[in-house]
Amino acid sequence: LINFEQIEDLCRTYKPKIIIAGGSAYSRFIDFKKF
């Protein structure tokens, strides 16, 4: 499942302008609220 801890670590380190959620081969619900 999506590694939200990693996402937060990467945001903290790299300060992205955009986070992209969604994919072409992910079969589970995505927690949009957490994103």
Full PDB file with SEQRES, HELIX, SHEET, SSBOND, CRYST1, ORIGX, SCALE, CONECT and MASTER records, all heavy atoms in Angstrom:
SEQRES   1 A   35  LEU ILE ASN PHE GLU GLN ILE GLU ASP LEU CYS ARG THR          
SEQRES   2 A   35  TYR LYS PRO LYS ILE ILE ILE ALA GLY GLY SER ALA TYR          
SEQRES   3 A   35  SER ARG PHE ILE ASP PHE LYS LYS PHE                          
HELIX    1 AA1 PHE A    4  TYR A   14  1                                  11    
CRYST1    1.000    1.000    1.000  90.00  90.00  90.00 P 1           1          
ORIGX1      1.000000  0.000000  0.000000        0.00000                         
ORIGX2      0.000000  1.000000  0.000000        0.00000                         
ORIGX3      0.000000  0.000000  1.000000        0.00000                         
SCALE1      1.000000  0.000000  0.000000        0.00000                         
SCALE2      0.000000  1.000000  0.000000        0.00000                         
SCALE3      0.000000  0.000000  1.000000        0.00000                         
ATOM      1  N   LEU A   1       0.844  -1.190   0.000  1.00  0.00           N  
ATOM      2  CA  LEU A   1       0.000   0.000   0.000  1.00  0.00           C  
ATOM      3  C   LEU A   1       0.882   1.243   0.000  1.00  0.00           C  
ATOM      4  O   LEU A   1       2.070   1.174   0.308  1.00  0.00           O  
ATOM      5  CB  LEU A   1      -0.923   0.007   1.225  1.00  0.00           C  
ATOM      6  CG  LEU A   1      -1.894  -1.175   1.346  1.00  0.00           C  
ATOM      7  CD1 LEU A   1      -2.728  -1.051   2.613  1.00  0.00           C  
ATOM      8  CD2 LEU A   1      -2.786  -1.287   0.124  1.00  0.00           C  
ATOM      9  N   ILE A   2       0.315   2.384  -0.352  1.00  0.00           N  
ATOM     10  CA  ILE A   2       1.077   3.627  -0.467  1.00  0.00           C  
ATOM     11  C   ILE A   2       1.801   3.935   0.843  1.00  0.00           C  
ATOM     12  O   ILE A   2       1.207   3.885   1.920  1.00  0.00           O  
ATOM     13  CB  ILE A   2       0.148   4.789  -0.858  1.00  0.00           C  
ATOM     14  CG1 ILE A   2      -0.385   4.586  -2.288  1.00  0.00           C  
ATOM     15  CG2 ILE A   2       0.880   6.127  -0.765  1.00  0.00           C  
ATOM     16  CD1 ILE A   2      -1.465   5.582  -2.685  1.00  0.00           C  
ATOM     17  N   ASN A   3       3.083   4.273   0.722  1.00  0.00           N  
ATOM     18  CA  ASN A   3       3.921   4.562   1.881  1.00  0.00           C  
ATOM     19  C   ASN A   3       3.832   6.061   2.198  1.00  0.00           C  
ATOM     20  O   ASN A   3       4.605   6.870   1.684  1.00  0.00           O  
ATOM     21  CB  ASN A   3       5.371   4.155   1.592  1.00  0.00           C  
ATOM     22  CG  ASN A   3       6.266   4.265   2.805  1.00  0.00           C  
ATOM     23  OD1 ASN A   3       5.978   5.023   3.740  1.00  0.00           O  
ATOM     24  ND2 ASN A   3       7.350   3.522   2.817  1.00  0.00           N  
ATOM     25  N   PHE A   4       2.879   6.429   3.051  1.00  0.00           N  
ATOM     26  CA  PHE A   4       2.666   7.843   3.362  1.00  0.00           C  
ATOM     27  C   PHE A   4       3.795   8.425   4.211  1.00  0.00           C  
ATOM     28  O   PHE A   4       4.072   9.625   4.130  1.00  0.00           O  
ATOM     29  CB  PHE A   4       1.313   8.030   4.046  1.00  0.00           C  
ATOM     30  CG  PHE A   4       0.153   7.995   3.091  1.00  0.00           C  
ATOM     31  CD1 PHE A   4      -0.612   6.850   2.946  1.00  0.00           C  
ATOM     32  CD2 PHE A   4      -0.163   9.111   2.328  1.00  0.00           C  
ATOM     33  CE1 PHE A   4      -1.673   6.814   2.056  1.00  0.00           C  
ATOM     34  CE2 PHE A   4      -1.225   9.082   1.438  1.00  0.00           C  
ATOM     35  CZ  PHE A   4      -1.983   7.934   1.292  1.00  0.00           C  
ATOM     36  N   GLU A   5       4.450   7.607   4.992  1.00  0.00           N  
ATOM     37  CA  GLU A   5       5.598   8.101   5.757  1.00  0.00           C  
ATOM     38  C   GLU A   5       6.713   8.540   4.815  1.00  0.00           C  
ATOM     39  O   GLU A   5       7.351   9.583   5.023  1.00  0.00           O  
ATOM     40  CB  GLU A   5       6.107   7.011   6.710  1.00  0.00           C  
ATOM     41  CG  GLU A   5       5.199   6.758   7.901  1.00  0.00           C  
ATOM     42  CD  GLU A   5       5.818   5.794   8.897  1.00  0.00           C  
ATOM     43  OE1 GLU A   5       7.039   5.518   8.771  1.00  0.00           O  
ATOM     44  OE2 GLU A   5       5.102   5.319   9.794  1.00  0.00           O  
ATOM     45  N   GLN A   6       6.925   7.752   3.773  1.00  0.00           N  
ATOM     46  CA  GLN A   6       7.937   8.115   2.785  1.00  0.00           C  
ATOM     47  C   GLN A   6       7.551   9.403   2.065  1.00  0.00           C  
ATOM     48  O   GLN A   6       8.391  10.271   1.822  1.00  0.00           O  
ATOM     49  CB  GLN A   6       8.108   6.980   1.764  1.00  0.00           C  
ATOM     50  CG  GLN A   6       9.188   7.276   0.729  1.00  0.00           C  
ATOM     51  CD  GLN A   6       9.204   6.261  -0.403  1.00  0.00           C  
ATOM     52  OE1 GLN A   6       8.185   5.674  -0.728  1.00  0.00           O  
ATOM     53  NE2 GLN A   6      10.375   6.055  -0.997  1.00  0.00           N  
ATOM     54  N   ILE A   7       6.258   9.542   1.713  1.00  0.00           N  
ATOM     55  CA  ILE A   7       5.790  10.754   1.039  1.00  0.00           C  
ATOM     56  C   ILE A   7       6.071  11.984   1.893  1.00  0.00           C  
ATOM     57  O   ILE A   7       6.577  13.001   1.397  1.00  0.00           O  
ATOM     58  CB  ILE A   7       4.280  10.647   0.720  1.00  0.00           C  
ATOM     59  CG1 ILE A   7       4.049   9.591  -0.353  1.00  0.00           C  
ATOM     60  CG2 ILE A   7       3.719  11.997   0.276  1.00  0.00           C  
ATOM     61  CD1 ILE A   7       2.583   9.271  -0.593  1.00  0.00           C  
ATOM     62  N   GLU A   8       5.778  11.878   3.177  1.00  0.00           N  
ATOM     63  CA  GLU A   8       5.999  13.031   4.062  1.00  0.00           C  
ATOM     64  C   GLU A   8       7.490  13.328   4.211  1.00  0.00           C  
ATOM     65  O   GLU A   8       7.898  14.489   4.209  1.00  0.00           O  
ATOM     66  CB  GLU A   8       5.347  12.800   5.422  1.00  0.00           C  
ATOM     67  CG  GLU A   8       5.415  14.014   6.316  1.00  0.00           C  
ATOM     68  CD  GLU A   8       4.312  14.068   7.360  1.00  0.00           C  
ATOM     69  OE1 GLU A   8       3.499  13.130   7.429  1.00  0.00           O  
ATOM     70  OE2 GLU A   8       4.271  15.072   8.103  1.00  0.00           O  
ATOM     71  N   ASP A   9       8.309  12.297   4.298  1.00  0.00           N  
ATOM     72  CA  ASP A   9       9.762  12.501   4.383  1.00  0.00           C  
ATOM     73  C   ASP A   9      10.292  13.198   3.130  1.00  0.00           C  
ATOM     74  O   ASP A   9      11.126  14.114   3.216  1.00  0.00           O  
ATOM     75  CB  ASP A   9      10.478  11.158   4.561  1.00  0.00           C  
ATOM     76  CG  ASP A   9      10.302  10.577   5.955  1.00  0.00           C  
ATOM     77  OD1 ASP A   9       9.915  11.341   6.868  1.00  0.00           O  
ATOM     78  OD2 ASP A   9      10.533   9.363   6.123  1.00  0.00           O  
ATOM     79  N   LEU A  10       9.788  12.777   1.960  1.00  0.00           N  
ATOM     80  CA  LEU A  10      10.245  13.368   0.699  1.00  0.00           C  
ATOM     81  C   LEU A  10       9.780  14.818   0.575  1.00  0.00           C  
ATOM     82  O   LEU A  10      10.506  15.677   0.062  1.00  0.00           O  
ATOM     83  CB  LEU A  10       9.733  12.542  -0.485  1.00  0.00           C  
ATOM     84  CG  LEU A  10      10.350  11.138  -0.627  1.00  0.00           C  
ATOM     85  CD1 LEU A  10       9.614  10.334  -1.693  1.00  0.00           C  
ATOM     86  CD2 LEU A  10      11.828  11.233  -0.968  1.00  0.00           C  
ATOM     87  N   CYS A  11       8.563  15.094   1.049  1.00  0.00           N  
ATOM     88  CA  CYS A  11       8.072  16.479   1.041  1.00  0.00           C  
ATOM     89  C   CYS A  11       8.918  17.370   1.945  1.00  0.00           C  
ATOM     90  O   CYS A  11       9.242  18.512   1.593  1.00  0.00           O  
ATOM     91  CB  CYS A  11       6.609  16.521   1.483  1.00  0.00           C  
ATOM     92  SG  CYS A  11       5.430  15.974   0.242  1.00  0.00           S  
ATOM     93  N   ARG A  12       9.261  16.837   3.083  1.00  0.00           N  
ATOM     94  CA  ARG A  12      10.068  17.597   4.047  1.00  0.00           C  
ATOM     95  C   ARG A  12      11.454  17.906   3.467  1.00  0.00           C  
ATOM     96  O   ARG A  12      11.989  18.998   3.645  1.00  0.00           O  
ATOM     97  CB  ARG A  12      10.206  16.792   5.342  1.00  0.00           C  
ATOM     98  CG  ARG A  12      10.890  17.546   6.474  1.00  0.00           C  
ATOM     99  CD  ARG A  12      11.051  16.675   7.704  1.00  0.00           C  
ATOM    100  NE  ARG A  12       9.794  16.144   8.184  1.00  0.00           N  
ATOM    101  CZ  ARG A  12       9.440  14.857   8.144  1.00  0.00           C  
ATOM    102  NH1 ARG A  12      10.287  13.952   7.633  1.00  0.00           N  
ATOM    103  NH2 ARG A  12       8.276  14.450   8.601  1.00  0.00           N  
ATOM    104  N   THR A  13      12.005  16.947   2.740  1.00  0.00           N  
ATOM    105  CA  THR A  13      13.364  17.090   2.213  1.00  0.00           C  
ATOM    106  C   THR A  13      13.425  17.917   0.935  1.00  0.00           C  
ATOM    107  O   THR A  13      14.296  18.785   0.782  1.00  0.00           O  
ATOM    108  CB  THR A  13      13.975  15.698   1.940  1.00  0.00           C  
ATOM    109  OG1 THR A  13      13.973  14.934   3.161  1.00  0.00           O  
ATOM    110  CG2 THR A  13      15.399  15.818   1.414  1.00  0.00           C  
ATOM    111  N   TYR A  14      12.465  17.662  -0.002  1.00  0.00           N  
ATOM    112  CA  TYR A  14      12.582  18.231  -1.348  1.00  0.00           C  
ATOM    113  C   TYR A  14      11.607  19.366  -1.644  1.00  0.00           C  
ATOM    114  O   TYR A  14      11.750  20.033  -2.669  1.00  0.00           O  
ATOM    115  CB  TYR A  14      12.400  17.124  -2.393  1.00  0.00           C  
ATOM    116  CG  TYR A  14      13.496  16.094  -2.349  1.00  0.00           C  
ATOM    117  CD1 TYR A  14      13.296  14.868  -1.712  1.00  0.00           C  
ATOM    118  CD2 TYR A  14      14.730  16.347  -2.944  1.00  0.00           C  
ATOM    119  CE1 TYR A  14      14.303  13.909  -1.678  1.00  0.00           C  
ATOM    120  CE2 TYR A  14      15.745  15.395  -2.907  1.00  0.00           C  
ATOM    121  CZ  TYR A  14      15.518  14.177  -2.276  1.00  0.00           C  
ATOM    122  OH  TYR A  14      16.521  13.243  -2.241  1.00  0.00           O  
ATOM    123  N   LYS A  15      10.612  19.588  -0.793  1.00  0.00           N  
ATOM    124  CA  LYS A  15       9.655  20.690  -0.983  1.00  0.00           C  
ATOM    125  C   LYS A  15       9.074  20.722  -2.412  1.00  0.00           C  
ATOM    126  O   LYS A  15       9.253  21.699  -3.154  1.00  0.00           O  
ATOM    127  CB  LYS A  15      10.315  22.036  -0.685  1.00  0.00           C  
ATOM    128  CG  LYS A  15      10.977  22.151   0.674  1.00  0.00           C  
ATOM    129  CD  LYS A  15       9.950  22.077   1.806  1.00  0.00           C  
ATOM    130  CE  LYS A  15      10.573  22.411   3.157  1.00  0.00           C  
ATOM    131  NZ  LYS A  15      11.616  21.463   3.603  1.00  0.00           N  
ATOM    132  N   PRO A  16       8.362  19.680  -2.831  1.00  0.00           N  
ATOM    133  CA  PRO A  16       7.831  19.652  -4.200  1.00  0.00           C  
ATOM    134  C   PRO A  16       6.763  20.721  -4.418  1.00  0.00           C  
ATOM    135  O   PRO A  16       6.056  21.109  -3.488  1.00  0.00           O  
ATOM    136  CB  PRO A  16       7.229  18.249  -4.314  1.00  0.00           C  
ATOM    137  CG  PRO A  16       6.877  17.871  -2.908  1.00  0.00           C  
ATOM    138  CD  PRO A  16       7.962  18.484  -2.061  1.00  0.00           C  
ATOM    139  N   LYS A  17       6.641  21.180  -5.679  1.00  0.00           N  
ATOM    140  CA  LYS A  17       5.593  22.137  -6.035  1.00  0.00           C  
ATOM    141  C   LYS A  17       4.247  21.421  -6.201  1.00  0.00           C  
ATOM    142  O   LYS A  17       3.198  22.004  -5.958  1.00  0.00           O  
ATOM    143  CB  LYS A  17       5.959  22.837  -7.349  1.00  0.00           C  
ATOM    144  CG  LYS A  17       7.131  23.805  -7.230  1.00  0.00           C  
ATOM    145  CD  LYS A  17       6.723  25.068  -6.503  1.00  0.00           C  
ATOM    146  CE  LYS A  17       7.831  26.113  -6.521  1.00  0.00           C  
ATOM    147  NZ  LYS A  17       8.088  26.654  -7.867  1.00  0.00           N  
ATOM    148  N   ILE A  18       4.308  20.159  -6.633  1.00  0.00           N  
ATOM    149  CA  ILE A  18       3.085  19.369  -6.837  1.00  0.00           C  
ATOM    150  C   ILE A  18       3.318  17.942  -6.350  1.00  0.00           C  
ATOM    151  O   ILE A  18       4.377  17.354  -6.613  1.00  0.00           O  
ATOM    152  CB  ILE A  18       2.667  19.336  -8.322  1.00  0.00           C  
ATOM    153  CG1 ILE A  18       2.049  20.671  -8.749  1.00  0.00           C  
ATOM    154  CG2 ILE A  18       1.666  18.221  -8.608  1.00  0.00           C  
ATOM    155  CD1 ILE A  18       1.540  20.687 -10.181  1.00  0.00           C  
ATOM    156  N   ILE A  19       2.321  17.400  -5.638  1.00  0.00           N  
ATOM    157  CA  ILE A  19       2.274  15.973  -5.320  1.00  0.00           C  
ATOM    158  C   ILE A  19       1.243  15.350  -6.257  1.00  0.00           C  
ATOM    159  O   ILE A  19       0.142  15.882  -6.436  1.00  0.00           O  
ATOM    160  CB  ILE A  19       1.847  15.716  -3.863  1.00  0.00           C  
ATOM    161  CG1 ILE A  19       2.805  16.385  -2.880  1.00  0.00           C  
ATOM    162  CG2 ILE A  19       1.774  14.219  -3.581  1.00  0.00           C  
ATOM    163  CD1 ILE A  19       2.326  16.307  -1.432  1.00  0.00           C  
ATOM    164  N   ILE A  20       1.600  14.215  -6.866  1.00  0.00           N  
ATOM    165  CA  ILE A  20       0.685  13.529  -7.779  1.00  0.00           C  
ATOM    166  C   ILE A  20       0.218  12.229  -7.129  1.00  0.00           C  
ATOM    167  O   ILE A  20       1.030  11.379  -6.760  1.00  0.00           O  
ATOM    168  CB  ILE A  20       1.362  13.213  -9.121  1.00  0.00           C  
ATOM    169  CG1 ILE A  20       1.979  14.482  -9.712  1.00  0.00           C  
ATOM    170  CG2 ILE A  20       0.351  12.604 -10.096  1.00  0.00           C  
ATOM    171  CD1 ILE A  20       2.915  14.215 -10.873  1.00  0.00           C  
ATOM    172  N   ALA A  21      -1.093  12.095  -6.989  1.00  0.00           N  
ATOM    173  CA  ALA A  21      -1.693  10.857  -6.482  1.00  0.00           C  
ATOM    174  C   ALA A  21      -2.426  10.174  -7.632  1.00  0.00           C  
ATOM    175  O   ALA A  21      -2.961  10.829  -8.523  1.00  0.00           O  
ATOM    176  CB  ALA A  21      -2.660  11.156  -5.344  1.00  0.00           C  
ATOM    177  N   GLY A  22      -2.479   8.860  -7.581  1.00  0.00           N  
ATOM    178  CA  GLY A  22      -3.123   8.100  -8.652  1.00  0.00           C  
ATOM    179  C   GLY A  22      -2.079   7.356  -9.456  1.00  0.00           C  
ATOM    180  O   GLY A  22      -0.890   7.679  -9.422  1.00  0.00           O  
ATOM    181  N   GLY A  23      -2.505   6.342 -10.191  1.00  0.00           N  
ATOM    182  CA  GLY A  23      -1.554   5.551 -10.959  1.00  0.00           C  
ATOM    183  C   GLY A  23      -2.242   4.718 -12.010  1.00  0.00           C  
ATOM    184  O   GLY A  23      -3.445   4.844 -12.256  1.00  0.00           O  
ATOM    185  N   SER A  24      -1.463   3.856 -12.638  1.00  0.00           N  
ATOM    186  CA  SER A  24      -2.007   3.015 -13.700  1.00  0.00           C  
ATOM    187  C   SER A  24      -2.062   1.544 -13.312  1.00  0.00           C  
ATOM    188  O   SER A  24      -2.599   0.730 -14.064  1.00  0.00           O  
ATOM    189  CB  SER A  24      -1.164   3.171 -14.966  1.00  0.00           C  
ATOM    190  OG  SER A  24       0.171   2.757 -14.744  1.00  0.00           O  
ATOM    191  N   ALA A  25      -1.502   1.202 -12.149  1.00  0.00           N  
ATOM    192  CA  ALA A  25      -1.520  -0.200 -11.738  1.00  0.00           C  
ATOM    193  C   ALA A  25      -1.611  -0.314 -10.223  1.00  0.00           C  
ATOM    194  O   ALA A  25      -0.954  -1.160  -9.615  1.00  0.00           O  
ATOM    195  CB  ALA A  25      -0.275  -0.926 -12.256  1.00  0.00           C  
ATOM    196  N   TYR A  26      -2.421   0.535  -9.618  1.00  0.00           N  
ATOM    197  CA  TYR A  26      -2.637   0.486  -8.168  1.00  0.00           C  
ATOM    198  C   TYR A  26      -4.087   0.078  -7.932  1.00  0.00           C  
ATOM    199  O   TYR A  26      -5.010   0.757  -8.377  1.00  0.00           O  
ATOM    200  CB  TYR A  26      -2.343   1.844  -7.535  1.00  0.00           C  
ATOM    201  CG  TYR A  26      -2.340   1.822  -6.026  1.00  0.00           C  
ATOM    202  CD1 TYR A  26      -1.284   1.252  -5.319  1.00  0.00           C  
ATOM    203  CD2 TYR A  26      -3.399   2.360  -5.300  1.00  0.00           C  
ATOM    204  CE1 TYR A  26      -1.276   1.224  -3.934  1.00  0.00           C  
ATOM    205  CE2 TYR A  26      -3.394   2.346  -3.911  1.00  0.00           C  
ATOM    206  CZ  TYR A  26      -2.335   1.772  -3.230  1.00  0.00           C  
ATOM    207  OH  TYR A  26      -2.341   1.749  -1.855  1.00  0.00           O  
ATOM    208  N   SER A  27      -4.283  -1.022  -7.222  1.00  0.00           N  
ATOM    209  CA  SER A  27      -5.607  -1.639  -7.170  1.00  0.00           C  
ATOM    210  C   SER A  27      -6.407  -1.329  -5.907  1.00  0.00           C  
ATOM    211  O   SER A  27      -7.494  -1.884  -5.717  1.00  0.00           O  
ATOM    212  CB  SER A  27      -5.467  -3.160  -7.292  1.00  0.00           C  
ATOM    213  OG  SER A  27      -4.736  -3.685  -6.191  1.00  0.00           O  
ATOM    214  N   ARG A  28      -5.904  -0.446  -5.080  1.00  0.00           N  
ATOM    215  CA  ARG A  28      -6.595  -0.143  -3.821  1.00  0.00           C  
ATOM    216  C   ARG A  28      -7.108   1.298  -3.793  1.00  0.00           C  
ATOM    217  O   ARG A  28      -6.650   2.153  -4.556  1.00  0.00           O  
ATOM    218  CB  ARG A  28      -5.652  -0.375  -2.642  1.00  0.00           C  
ATOM    219  CG  ARG A  28      -5.267  -1.838  -2.454  1.00  0.00           C  
ATOM    220  CD  ARG A  28      -6.475  -2.703  -2.187  1.00  0.00           C  
ATOM    221  NE  ARG A  28      -6.132  -4.055  -1.780  1.00  0.00           N  
ATOM    222  CZ  ARG A  28      -7.011  -4.984  -1.376  1.00  0.00           C  
ATOM    223  NH1 ARG A  28      -8.305  -4.676  -1.338  1.00  0.00           N  
ATOM    224  NH2 ARG A  28      -6.621  -6.180  -1.018  1.00  0.00           N  
ATOM    225  N   PHE A  29      -8.077   1.560  -2.920  1.00  0.00           N  
ATOM    226  CA  PHE A  29      -8.532   2.931  -2.724  1.00  0.00           C  
ATOM    227  C   PHE A  29      -7.346   3.793  -2.288  1.00  0.00           C  
ATOM    228  O   PHE A  29      -6.465   3.334  -1.559  1.00  0.00           O  
ATOM    229  CB  PHE A  29      -9.614   3.007  -1.641  1.00  0.00           C  
ATOM    230  CG  PHE A  29     -10.946   2.438  -2.054  1.00  0.00           C  
ATOM    231  CD1 PHE A  29     -11.784   1.863  -1.103  1.00  0.00           C  
ATOM    232  CD2 PHE A  29     -11.380   2.486  -3.363  1.00  0.00           C  
ATOM    233  CE1 PHE A  29     -13.019   1.348  -1.465  1.00  0.00           C  
ATOM    234  CE2 PHE A  29     -12.613   1.981  -3.737  1.00  0.00           C  
ATOM    235  CZ  PHE A  29     -13.432   1.409  -2.781  1.00  0.00           C  
ATOM    236  N   ILE A  30      -7.367   5.045  -2.707  1.00  0.00           N  
ATOM    237  CA  ILE A  30      -6.330   5.995  -2.323  1.00  0.00           C  
ATOM    238  C   ILE A  30      -6.909   6.942  -1.273  1.00  0.00           C  
ATOM    239  O   ILE A  30      -8.015   7.462  -1.437  1.00  0.00           O  
ATOM    240  CB  ILE A  30      -5.845   6.787  -3.552  1.00  0.00           C  
ATOM    241  CG1 ILE A  30      -5.186   5.830  -4.560  1.00  0.00           C  
ATOM    242  CG2 ILE A  30      -4.865   7.878  -3.145  1.00  0.00           C  
ATOM    243  CD1 ILE A  30      -4.844   6.475  -5.887  1.00  0.00           C  
ATOM    244  N   ASP A  31      -6.170   7.151  -0.214  1.00  0.00           N  
ATOM    245  CA  ASP A  31      -6.624   8.019   0.876  1.00  0.00           C  
ATOM    246  C   ASP A  31      -6.361   9.473   0.495  1.00  0.00           C  
ATOM    247  O   ASP A  31      -5.317  10.043   0.819  1.00  0.00           O  
ATOM    248  CB  ASP A  31      -5.898   7.653   2.172  1.00  0.00           C  
ATOM    249  CG  ASP A  31      -6.528   8.308   3.393  1.00  0.00           C  
ATOM    250  OD1 ASP A  31      -7.176   9.367   3.238  1.00  0.00           O  
ATOM    251  OD2 ASP A  31      -6.366   7.774   4.507  1.00  0.00           O  
ATOM    252  N   PHE A  32      -7.299  10.090  -0.202  1.00  0.00           N  
ATOM    253  CA  PHE A  32      -7.129  11.465  -0.668  1.00  0.00           C  
ATOM    254  C   PHE A  32      -7.041  12.452   0.496  1.00  0.00           C  
ATOM    255  O   PHE A  32      -6.334  13.459   0.414  1.00  0.00           O  
ATOM    256  CB  PHE A  32      -8.287  11.857  -1.594  1.00  0.00           C  
ATOM    257  CG  PHE A  32      -8.452  10.961  -2.787  1.00  0.00           C  
ATOM    258  CD1 PHE A  32      -9.663  10.323  -3.037  1.00  0.00           C  
ATOM    259  CD2 PHE A  32      -7.399  10.737  -3.651  1.00  0.00           C  
ATOM    260  CE1 PHE A  32      -9.820   9.502  -4.127  1.00  0.00           C  
ATOM    261  CE2 PHE A  32      -7.548   9.907  -4.756  1.00  0.00           C  
ATOM    262  CZ  PHE A  32      -8.762   9.286  -4.993  1.00  0.00           C  
ATOM    263  N   LYS A  33      -7.759  12.148   1.566  1.00  0.00           N  
ATOM    264  CA  LYS A  33      -7.727  13.024   2.734  1.00  0.00           C  
ATOM    265  C   LYS A  33      -6.325  13.089   3.324  1.00  0.00           C  
ATOM    266  O   LYS A  33      -5.846  14.169   3.719  1.00  0.00           O  
ATOM    267  CB  LYS A  33      -8.728  12.525   3.784  1.00  0.00           C  
ATOM    268  CG  LYS A  33      -8.916  13.460   4.961  1.00  0.00           C  
ATOM    269  CD  LYS A  33     -10.016  12.947   5.892  1.00  0.00           C  
ATOM    270  CE  LYS A  33     -10.244  13.912   7.050  1.00  0.00           C  
ATOM    271  NZ  LYS A  33     -11.332  13.424   7.956  1.00  0.00           N  
ATOM    272  N   LYS A  34      -5.644  11.962   3.362  1.00  0.00           N  
ATOM    273  CA  LYS A  34      -4.277  11.931   3.900  1.00  0.00           C  
ATOM    274  C   LYS A  34      -3.325  12.685   2.970  1.00  0.00           C  
ATOM    275  O   LYS A  34      -2.435  13.412   3.432  1.00  0.00           O  
ATOM    276  CB  LYS A  34      -3.834  10.478   4.078  1.00  0.00           C  
ATOM    277  CG  LYS A  34      -2.550  10.315   4.871  1.00  0.00           C  
ATOM    278  CD  LYS A  34      -2.279   8.862   5.194  1.00  0.00           C  
ATOM    279  CE  LYS A  34      -3.227   8.332   6.261  1.00  0.00           C  
ATOM    280  NZ  LYS A  34      -2.849   6.963   6.708  1.00  0.00           N  
ATOM    281  N   PHE A  35      -3.517  12.547   1.650  1.00  0.00           N  
ATOM    282  CA  PHE A  35      -2.705  13.306   0.702  1.00  0.00           C  
ATOM    283  C   PHE A  35      -2.921  14.814   0.893  1.00  0.00           C  
ATOM    284  O   PHE A  35      -1.984  15.603   0.855  1.00  0.00           O  
ATOM    285  CB  PHE A  35      -3.058  12.919  -0.737  1.00  0.00           C  
ATOM    286  CG  PHE A  35      -2.194  11.844  -1.329  1.00  0.00           C  
ATOM    287  CD1 PHE A  35      -2.688  10.558  -1.524  1.00  0.00           C  
ATOM    288  CD2 PHE A  35      -0.887  12.107  -1.694  1.00  0.00           C  
ATOM    289  CE1 PHE A  35      -1.905   9.566  -2.075  1.00  0.00           C  
ATOM    290  CE2 PHE A  35      -0.077  11.121  -2.246  1.00  0.00           C  
ATOM    291  CZ  PHE A  35      -0.583   9.844  -2.435  1.00  0.00           C  
TER     292      PHE A  35                                                      
MASTER        0    0    0    1    0    0    0    6  291    1    0    3          
END                                                                             
